[in-house]
Amino acid sequence: MPLYSYHCSKCDKDFELLVRSSDTPACPTCGNIEIAQQVSFVAPENKSRAFLRGARDQAAREGHLSNFSRSERGGS
């Protein structure tokens, strides 16, 4: 699934989603389906680790732990 960047005009939020071609994406904040696809930025060379670490930290703060191992999630 490709990762796309979107902007919601209703709540003025920018976000990224993994989207299948058969899916209709919606804003994760307000649920609006009338969203505009944006040009995604590519991580600069040699910055990928810091970018991934930042993304994982943000995901953990938001409670999205599916990309963490069981030990990282605190499970047994």
PDB file of N, CA and C in Angstrom:
ATOM      1  N   MET A   1       0.841  -1.178   0.000  1.00  0.00           N
ATOM      2  CA  MET A   1       0.000   0.000   0.000  1.00  0.00           C
ATOM      3  C   MET A   1       0.888   1.244   0.000  1.00  0.00           C
ATOM      4  N   PRO A   2       0.585   2.184  -0.874  1.00  0.00           N
ATOM      5  CA  PRO A   2       1.365   3.418  -0.885  1.00  0.00           C
ATOM      6  C   PRO A   2       0.963   4.366   0.241  1.00  0.00           C
ATOM      7  N   LEU A   3       1.910   5.189   0.647  1.00  0.00           N
ATOM      8  CA  LEU A   3       1.685   6.206   1.669  1.00  0.00           C
ATOM      9  C   LEU A   3       1.409   7.525   0.962  1.00  0.00           C
ATOM     10  N   TYR A   4       0.261   8.138   1.247  1.00  0.00           N
ATOM     11  CA  TYR A   4      -0.126   9.395   0.622  1.00  0.00           C
ATOM     12  C   TYR A   4      -0.288  10.476   1.675  1.00  0.00           C
ATOM     13  N   SER A   5       0.003  11.709   1.283  1.00  0.00           N
ATOM     14  CA  SER A   5      -0.222  12.872   2.140  1.00  0.00           C
ATOM     15  C   SER A   5      -1.525  13.533   1.721  1.00  0.00           C
ATOM     16  N   TYR A   6      -2.272  14.004   2.712  1.00  0.00           N
ATOM     17  CA  TYR A   6      -3.560  14.635   2.462  1.00  0.00           C
ATOM     18  C   TYR A   6      -3.699  15.906   3.288  1.00  0.00           C
ATOM     19  N   HIS A   7      -4.629  16.762   2.855  1.00  0.00           N
ATOM     20  CA  HIS A   7      -4.997  17.948   3.622  1.00  0.00           C
ATOM     21  C   HIS A   7      -6.520  17.988   3.706  1.00  0.00           C
ATOM     22  N   CYS A   8      -7.026  18.187   4.909  1.00  0.00           N
ATOM     23  CA  CYS A   8      -8.468  18.292   5.122  1.00  0.00           C
ATOM     24  C   CYS A   8      -8.841  19.769   5.204  1.00  0.00           C
ATOM     25  N   SER A   9      -9.725  20.189   4.317  1.00  0.00           N
ATOM     26  CA  SER A   9     -10.141  21.596   4.311  1.00  0.00           C
ATOM     27  C   SER A   9     -11.119  21.895   5.445  1.00  0.00           C
ATOM     28  N   LYS A  10     -11.798  20.884   5.941  1.00  0.00           N
ATOM     29  CA  LYS A  10     -12.785  21.090   7.007  1.00  0.00           C
ATOM     30  C   LYS A  10     -12.116  21.427   8.339  1.00  0.00           C
ATOM     31  N   CYS A  11     -11.099  20.644   8.728  1.00  0.00           N
ATOM     32  CA  CYS A  11     -10.424  20.888  10.013  1.00  0.00           C
ATOM     33  C   CYS A  11      -9.009  21.447   9.842  1.00  0.00           C
ATOM     34  N   ASP A  12      -8.585  21.662   8.583  1.00  0.00           N
ATOM     35  CA  ASP A  12      -7.291  22.268   8.252  1.00  0.00           C
ATOM     36  C   ASP A  12      -6.100  21.460   8.785  1.00  0.00           C
ATOM     37  N   LYS A  13      -6.215  20.130   8.740  1.00  0.00           N
ATOM     38  CA  LYS A  13      -5.135  19.250   9.201  1.00  0.00           C
ATOM     39  C   LYS A  13      -4.442  18.597   8.011  1.00  0.00           C
ATOM     40  N   ASP A  14      -3.117  18.399   8.120  1.00  0.00           N
ATOM     41  CA  ASP A  14      -2.344  17.624   7.162  1.00  0.00           C
ATOM     42  C   ASP A  14      -2.040  16.281   7.812  1.00  0.00           C
ATOM     43  N   PHE A  15      -2.093  15.204   7.019  1.00  0.00           N
ATOM     44  CA  PHE A  15      -1.845  13.871   7.563  1.00  0.00           C
ATOM     45  C   PHE A  15      -1.422  12.939   6.436  1.00  0.00           C
ATOM     46  N   GLU A  16      -0.882  11.794   6.815  1.00  0.00           N
ATOM     47  CA  GLU A  16      -0.479  10.759   5.870  1.00  0.00           C
ATOM     48  C   GLU A  16      -1.252   9.488   6.166  1.00  0.00           C
ATOM     49  N   LEU A  17      -1.600   8.753   5.102  1.00  0.00           N
ATOM     50  CA  LEU A  17      -2.328   7.503   5.250  1.00  0.00           C
ATOM     51  C   LEU A  17      -1.787   6.460   4.281  1.00  0.00           C
ATOM     52  N   LEU A  18      -1.804   5.211   4.705  1.00  0.00           N
ATOM     53  CA  LEU A  18      -1.561   4.098   3.799  1.00  0.00           C
ATOM     54  C   LEU A  18      -2.901   3.770   3.162  1.00  0.00           C
ATOM     55  N   VAL A  19      -2.966   3.832   1.842  1.00  0.00           N
ATOM     56  CA  VAL A  19      -4.255   3.716   1.163  1.00  0.00           C
ATOM     57  C   VAL A  19      -4.186   2.684   0.044  1.00  0.00           C
ATOM     58  N   ARG A  20      -5.144   1.765   0.046  1.00  0.00           N
ATOM     59  CA  ARG A  20      -5.316   0.835  -1.070  1.00  0.00           C
ATOM     60  C   ARG A  20      -6.114   1.543  -2.161  1.00  0.00           C
ATOM     61  N   SER A  21      -5.953   1.088  -3.386  1.00  0.00           N
ATOM     62  CA  SER A  21      -6.654   1.738  -4.490  1.00  0.00           C
ATOM     63  C   SER A  21      -8.165   1.618  -4.358  1.00  0.00           C
ATOM     64  N   SER A  22      -8.645   0.606  -3.655  1.00  0.00           N
ATOM     65  CA  SER A  22     -10.090   0.401  -3.493  1.00  0.00           C
ATOM     66  C   SER A  22     -10.678   1.168  -2.302  1.00  0.00           C
ATOM     67  N   ASP A  23      -9.820   1.780  -1.475  1.00  0.00           N
ATOM     68  CA  ASP A  23     -10.281   2.496  -0.283  1.00  0.00           C
ATOM     69  C   ASP A  23     -10.629   3.949  -0.576  1.00  0.00           C
ATOM     70  N   THR A  24     -11.554   4.489   0.194  1.00  0.00           N
ATOM     71  CA  THR A  24     -11.855   5.918   0.179  1.00  0.00           C
ATOM     72  C   THR A  24     -11.329   6.490   1.477  1.00  0.00           C
ATOM     73  N   PRO A  25     -10.222   7.249   1.424  1.00  0.00           N
ATOM     74  CA  PRO A  25      -9.636   7.760   2.666  1.00  0.00           C
ATOM     75  C   PRO A  25     -10.501   8.840   3.300  1.00  0.00           C
ATOM     76  N   ALA A  26     -10.379   8.947   4.610  1.00  0.00           N
ATOM     77  CA  ALA A  26     -11.097   9.969   5.371  1.00  0.00           C
ATOM     78  C   ALA A  26     -10.134  10.606   6.362  1.00  0.00           C
ATOM     79  N   CYS A  27     -10.402  11.834   6.732  1.00  0.00           N
ATOM     80  CA  CYS A  27      -9.577  12.545   7.698  1.00  0.00           C
ATOM     81  C   CYS A  27      -9.667  11.829   9.054  1.00  0.00           C
ATOM     82  N   PRO A  28      -8.523  11.483   9.652  1.00  0.00           N
ATOM     83  CA  PRO A  28      -8.561  10.791  10.945  1.00  0.00           C
ATOM     84  C   PRO A  28      -9.029  11.693  12.096  1.00  0.00           C
ATOM     85  N   THR A  29      -9.012  13.004  11.899  1.00  0.00           N
ATOM     86  CA  THR A  29      -9.424  13.931  12.948  1.00  0.00           C
ATOM     87  C   THR A  29     -10.929  14.161  12.960  1.00  0.00           C
ATOM     88  N   CYS A  30     -11.490  14.468  11.757  1.00  0.00           N
ATOM     89  CA  CYS A  30     -12.908  14.831  11.730  1.00  0.00           C
ATOM     90  C   CYS A  30     -13.774  13.873  10.901  1.00  0.00           C
ATOM     91  N   GLY A  31     -13.158  12.947  10.171  1.00  0.00           N
ATOM     92  CA  GLY A  31     -13.915  11.976   9.390  1.00  0.00           C
ATOM     93  C   GLY A  31     -14.344  12.461   8.015  1.00  0.00           C
ATOM     94  N   ASN A  32     -13.969  13.672   7.628  1.00  0.00           N
ATOM     95  CA  ASN A  32     -14.323  14.234   6.331  1.00  0.00           C
ATOM     96  C   ASN A  32     -13.707  13.405   5.201  1.00  0.00           C
ATOM     97  N   ILE A  33     -14.504  13.063   4.173  1.00  0.00           N
ATOM     98  CA  ILE A  33     -13.954  12.304   3.043  1.00  0.00           C
ATOM     99  C   ILE A  33     -13.592  13.204   1.871  1.00  0.00           C
ATOM    100  N   GLU A  34     -13.914  14.484   1.971  1.00  0.00           N
ATOM    101  CA  GLU A  34     -13.537  15.437   0.927  1.00  0.00           C
ATOM    102  C   GLU A  34     -12.185  16.041   1.290  1.00  0.00           C
ATOM    103  N   ILE A  35     -11.118  15.278   1.008  1.00  0.00           N
ATOM    104  CA  ILE A  35      -9.760  15.679   1.346  1.00  0.00           C
ATOM    105  C   ILE A  35      -8.937  15.789   0.071  1.00  0.00           C
ATOM    106  N   ALA A  36      -7.904  16.622   0.107  1.00  0.00           N
ATOM    107  CA  ALA A  36      -7.060  16.858  -1.065  1.00  0.00           C
ATOM    108  C   ALA A  36      -5.736  16.116  -0.910  1.00  0.00           C
ATOM    109  N   GLN A  37      -5.386  15.342  -1.924  1.00  0.00           N
ATOM    110  CA  GLN A  37      -4.110  14.638  -1.896  1.00  0.00           C
ATOM    111  C   GLN A  37      -2.992  15.633  -2.167  1.00  0.00           C
ATOM    112  N   GLN A  38      -1.923  15.551  -1.382  1.00  0.00           N
ATOM    113  CA  GLN A  38      -0.794  16.467  -1.485  1.00  0.00           C
ATOM    114  C   GLN A  38       0.430  15.738  -2.038  1.00  0.00           C
ATOM    115  N   VAL A  39       1.427  16.488  -2.434  1.00  0.00           N
ATOM    116  CA  VAL A  39       2.691  15.910  -2.854  1.00  0.00           C
ATOM    117  C   VAL A  39       3.430  15.463  -1.599  1.00  0.00           C
ATOM    118  N   SER A  40       3.840  14.203  -1.544  1.00  0.00           N
ATOM    119  CA  SER A  40       4.551  13.683  -0.382  1.00  0.00           C
ATOM    120  C   SER A  40       6.026  14.049  -0.476  1.00  0.00           C
ATOM    121  N   PHE A  41       6.613  14.338   0.666  1.00  0.00           N
ATOM    122  CA  PHE A  41       8.029  14.657   0.722  1.00  0.00           C
ATOM    123  C   PHE A  41       8.833  13.388   0.954  1.00  0.00           C
ATOM    124  N   VAL A  42       9.983  13.319   0.344  1.00  0.00           N
ATOM    125  CA  VAL A  42      10.878  12.185   0.510  1.00  0.00           C
ATOM    126  C   VAL A  42      11.867  12.536   1.612  1.00  0.00           C
ATOM    127  N   ALA A  43      12.178  11.574   2.476  1.00  0.00           N
ATOM    128  CA  ALA A  43      13.141  11.815   3.546  1.00  0.00           C
ATOM    129  C   ALA A  43      14.526  12.048   2.941  1.00  0.00           C
ATOM    130  N   PRO A  44      15.216  13.097   3.360  1.00  0.00           N
ATOM    131  CA  PRO A  44      16.556  13.361   2.828  1.00  0.00           C
ATOM    132  C   PRO A  44      17.505  12.218   3.150  1.00  0.00           C
ATOM    133  N   GLU A  45      18.453  12.005   2.275  1.00  0.00           N
ATOM    134  CA  GLU A  45      19.434  10.942   2.477  1.00  0.00           C
ATOM    135  C   GLU A  45      20.152  11.156   3.805  1.00  0.00           C
ATOM    136  N   ASN A  46      20.442  10.087   4.497  1.00  0.00           N
ATOM    137  CA  ASN A  46      21.122  10.077   5.807  1.00  0.00           C
ATOM    138  C   ASN A  46      20.270  10.659   6.922  1.00  0.00           C
ATOM    139  N   LYS A  47      19.008  10.924   6.673  1.00  0.00           N
ATOM    140  CA  LYS A  47      18.107  11.427   7.707  1.00  0.00           C
ATOM    141  C   LYS A  47      17.032  10.408   8.032  1.00  0.00           C
ATOM    142  N   SER A  48      17.051   9.264   7.361  1.00  0.00           N
ATOM    143  CA  SER A  48      15.974   8.292   7.505  1.00  0.00           C
ATOM    144  C   SER A  48      15.831   7.762   8.925  1.00  0.00           C
ATOM    145  N   ARG A  49      16.928   7.458   9.579  1.00  0.00           N
ATOM    146  CA  ARG A  49      16.828   6.913  10.949  1.00  0.00           C
ATOM    147  C   ARG A  49      16.185   7.895  11.902  1.00  0.00           C
ATOM    148  N   ALA A  50      16.593   9.162  11.816  1.00  0.00           N
ATOM    149  CA  ALA A  50      16.004  10.177  12.688  1.00  0.00           C
ATOM    150  C   ALA A  50      14.528  10.364  12.354  1.00  0.00           C
ATOM    151  N   PHE A  51      14.196  10.338  11.073  1.00  0.00           N
ATOM    152  CA  PHE A  51      12.802  10.477  10.652  1.00  0.00           C
ATOM    153  C   PHE A  51      11.970   9.316  11.178  1.00  0.00           C
ATOM    154  N   LEU A  52      12.470   8.084  11.022  1.00  0.00           N
ATOM    155  CA  LEU A  52      11.739   6.911  11.497  1.00  0.00           C
ATOM    156  C   LEU A  52      11.592   6.916  13.015  1.00  0.00           C
ATOM    157  N   ARG A  53      12.648   7.293  13.707  1.00  0.00           N
ATOM    158  CA  ARG A  53      12.585   7.358  15.174  1.00  0.00           C
ATOM    159  C   ARG A  53      11.524   8.383  15.598  1.00  0.00           C
ATOM    160  N   GLY A  54      11.497   9.538  14.926  1.00  0.00           N
ATOM    161  CA  GLY A  54      10.500  10.556  15.238  1.00  0.00           C
ATOM    162  C   GLY A  54       9.087  10.074  14.956  1.00  0.00           C
ATOM    163  N   ALA A  55       8.916   9.358  13.843  1.00  0.00           N
ATOM    164  CA  ALA A  55       7.597   8.830  13.490  1.00  0.00           C
ATOM    165  C   ALA A  55       7.150   7.772  14.492  1.00  0.00           C
ATOM    166  N   ARG A  56       8.077   6.912  14.918  1.00  0.00           N
ATOM    167  CA  ARG A  56       7.733   5.893  15.910  1.00  0.00           C
ATOM    168  C   ARG A  56       7.390   6.537  17.258  1.00  0.00           C
ATOM    169  N   ASP A  57       8.132   7.586  17.632  1.00  0.00           N
ATOM    170  CA  ASP A  57       7.844   8.290  18.888  1.00  0.00           C
ATOM    171  C   ASP A  57       6.462   8.929  18.842  1.00  0.00           C
ATOM    172  N   GLN A  58       6.133   9.547  17.702  1.00  0.00           N
ATOM    173  CA  GLN A  58       4.819  10.166  17.555  1.00  0.00           C
ATOM    174  C   GLN A  58       3.722   9.105  17.599  1.00  0.00           C
ATOM    175  N   ALA A  59       3.941   7.979  16.914  1.00  0.00           N
ATOM    176  CA  ALA A  59       2.953   6.900  16.923  1.00  0.00           C
ATOM    177  C   ALA A  59       2.732   6.384  18.351  1.00  0.00           C
ATOM    178  N   ALA A  60       3.802   6.252  19.112  1.00  0.00           N
ATOM    179  CA  ALA A  60       3.674   5.776  20.492  1.00  0.00           C
ATOM    180  C   ALA A  60       2.889   6.773  21.340  1.00  0.00           C
ATOM    181  N   ARG A  61       3.149   8.075  21.146  1.00  0.00           N
ATOM    182  CA  ARG A  61       2.402   9.101  21.896  1.00  0.00           C
ATOM    183  C   ARG A  61       0.916   9.048  21.565  1.00  0.00           C
ATOM    184  N   GLU A  62       0.599   8.721  20.305  1.00  0.00           N
ATOM    185  CA  GLU A  62      -0.793   8.681  19.869  1.00  0.00           C
ATOM    186  C   GLU A  62      -1.452   7.324  20.120  1.00  0.00           C
ATOM    187  N   GLY A  63      -0.678   6.354  20.622  1.00  0.00           N
ATOM    188  CA  GLY A  63      -1.229   5.050  20.942  1.00  0.00           C
ATOM    189  C   GLY A  63      -1.264   4.066  19.787  1.00  0.00           C
ATOM    190  N   HIS A  64      -0.588   4.397  18.681  1.00  0.00           N
ATOM    191  CA  HIS A  64      -0.533   3.501  17.529  1.00  0.00           C
ATOM    192  C   HIS A  64       0.724   2.638  17.662  1.00  0.00           C
ATOM    193  N   LEU A  65       0.604   1.496  18.275  1.00  0.00           N
ATOM    194  CA  LEU A  65       1.766   0.673  18.585  1.00  0.00           C
ATOM    195  C   LEU A  65       1.883  -0.556  17.700  1.00  0.00           C
ATOM    196  N   SER A  66       1.129  -0.632  16.618  1.00  0.00           N
ATOM    197  CA  SER A  66       1.123  -1.833  15.793  1.00  0.00           C
ATOM    198  C   SER A  66       2.464  -2.091  15.108  1.00  0.00           C
ATOM    199  N   ASN A  67       3.299  -1.065  14.927  1.00  0.00           N
ATOM    200  CA  ASN A  67       4.588  -1.275  14.277  1.00  0.00           C
ATOM    201  C   ASN A  67       5.703  -1.536  15.279  1.00  0.00           C
ATOM    202  N   PHE A  68       5.355  -1.739  16.547  1.00  0.00           N
ATOM    203  CA  PHE A  68       6.339  -2.044  17.578  1.00  0.00           C
ATOM    204  C   PHE A  68       6.302  -3.521  17.919  1.00  0.00           C
ATOM    205  N   SER A  69       7.433  -4.048  18.332  1.00  0.00           N
ATOM    206  CA  SER A  69       7.484  -5.455  18.751  1.00  0.00           C
ATOM    207  C   SER A  69       6.745  -5.593  20.083  1.00  0.00           C
ATOM    208  N   ARG A  70       6.428  -6.816  20.450  1.00  0.00           N
ATOM    209  CA  ARG A  70       5.718  -7.069  21.700  1.00  0.00           C
ATOM    210  C   ARG A  70       6.511  -6.539  22.894  1.00  0.00           C
ATOM    211  N   SER A  71       7.843  -6.691  22.889  1.00  0.00           N
ATOM    212  CA  SER A  71       8.650  -6.207  24.020  1.00  0.00           C
ATOM    213  C   SER A  71       8.655  -4.678  24.076  1.00  0.00           C
ATOM    214  N   GLU A  72       8.612  -4.019  22.920  1.00  0.00           N
ATOM    215  CA  GLU A  72       8.566  -2.562  22.899  1.00  0.00           C
ATOM    216  C   GLU A  72       7.220  -2.022  23.385  1.00  0.00           C
ATOM    217  N   ARG A  73       6.157  -2.823  23.204  1.00  0.00           N
ATOM    218  CA  ARG A  73       4.829  -2.424  23.647  1.00  0.00           C
ATOM    219  C   ARG A  73       4.613  -2.701  25.119  1.00  0.00           C
ATOM    220  N   GLY A  74       5.540  -3.414  25.742  1.00  0.00           N
ATOM    221  CA  GLY A  74       5.409  -3.714  27.155  1.00  0.00           C
ATOM    222  C   GLY A  74       4.647  -4.998  27.424  1.00  0.00           C
ATOM    223  N   GLY A  75       4.330  -5.730  26.341  1.00  0.00           N
ATOM    224  CA  GLY A  75       3.622  -7.010  26.507  1.00  0.00           C
ATOM    225  C   GLY A  75       4.583  -8.130  26.768  1.00  0.00           C
ATOM    226  N   SER A  76       4.084  -9.282  27.078  1.00  0.00           N
ATOM    227  CA  SER A  76       4.953 -10.428  27.338  1.00  0.00           C
ATOM    228  C   SER A  76       4.905 -11.413  26.206  1.00  0.00           C
TER     229      SER A  76
END
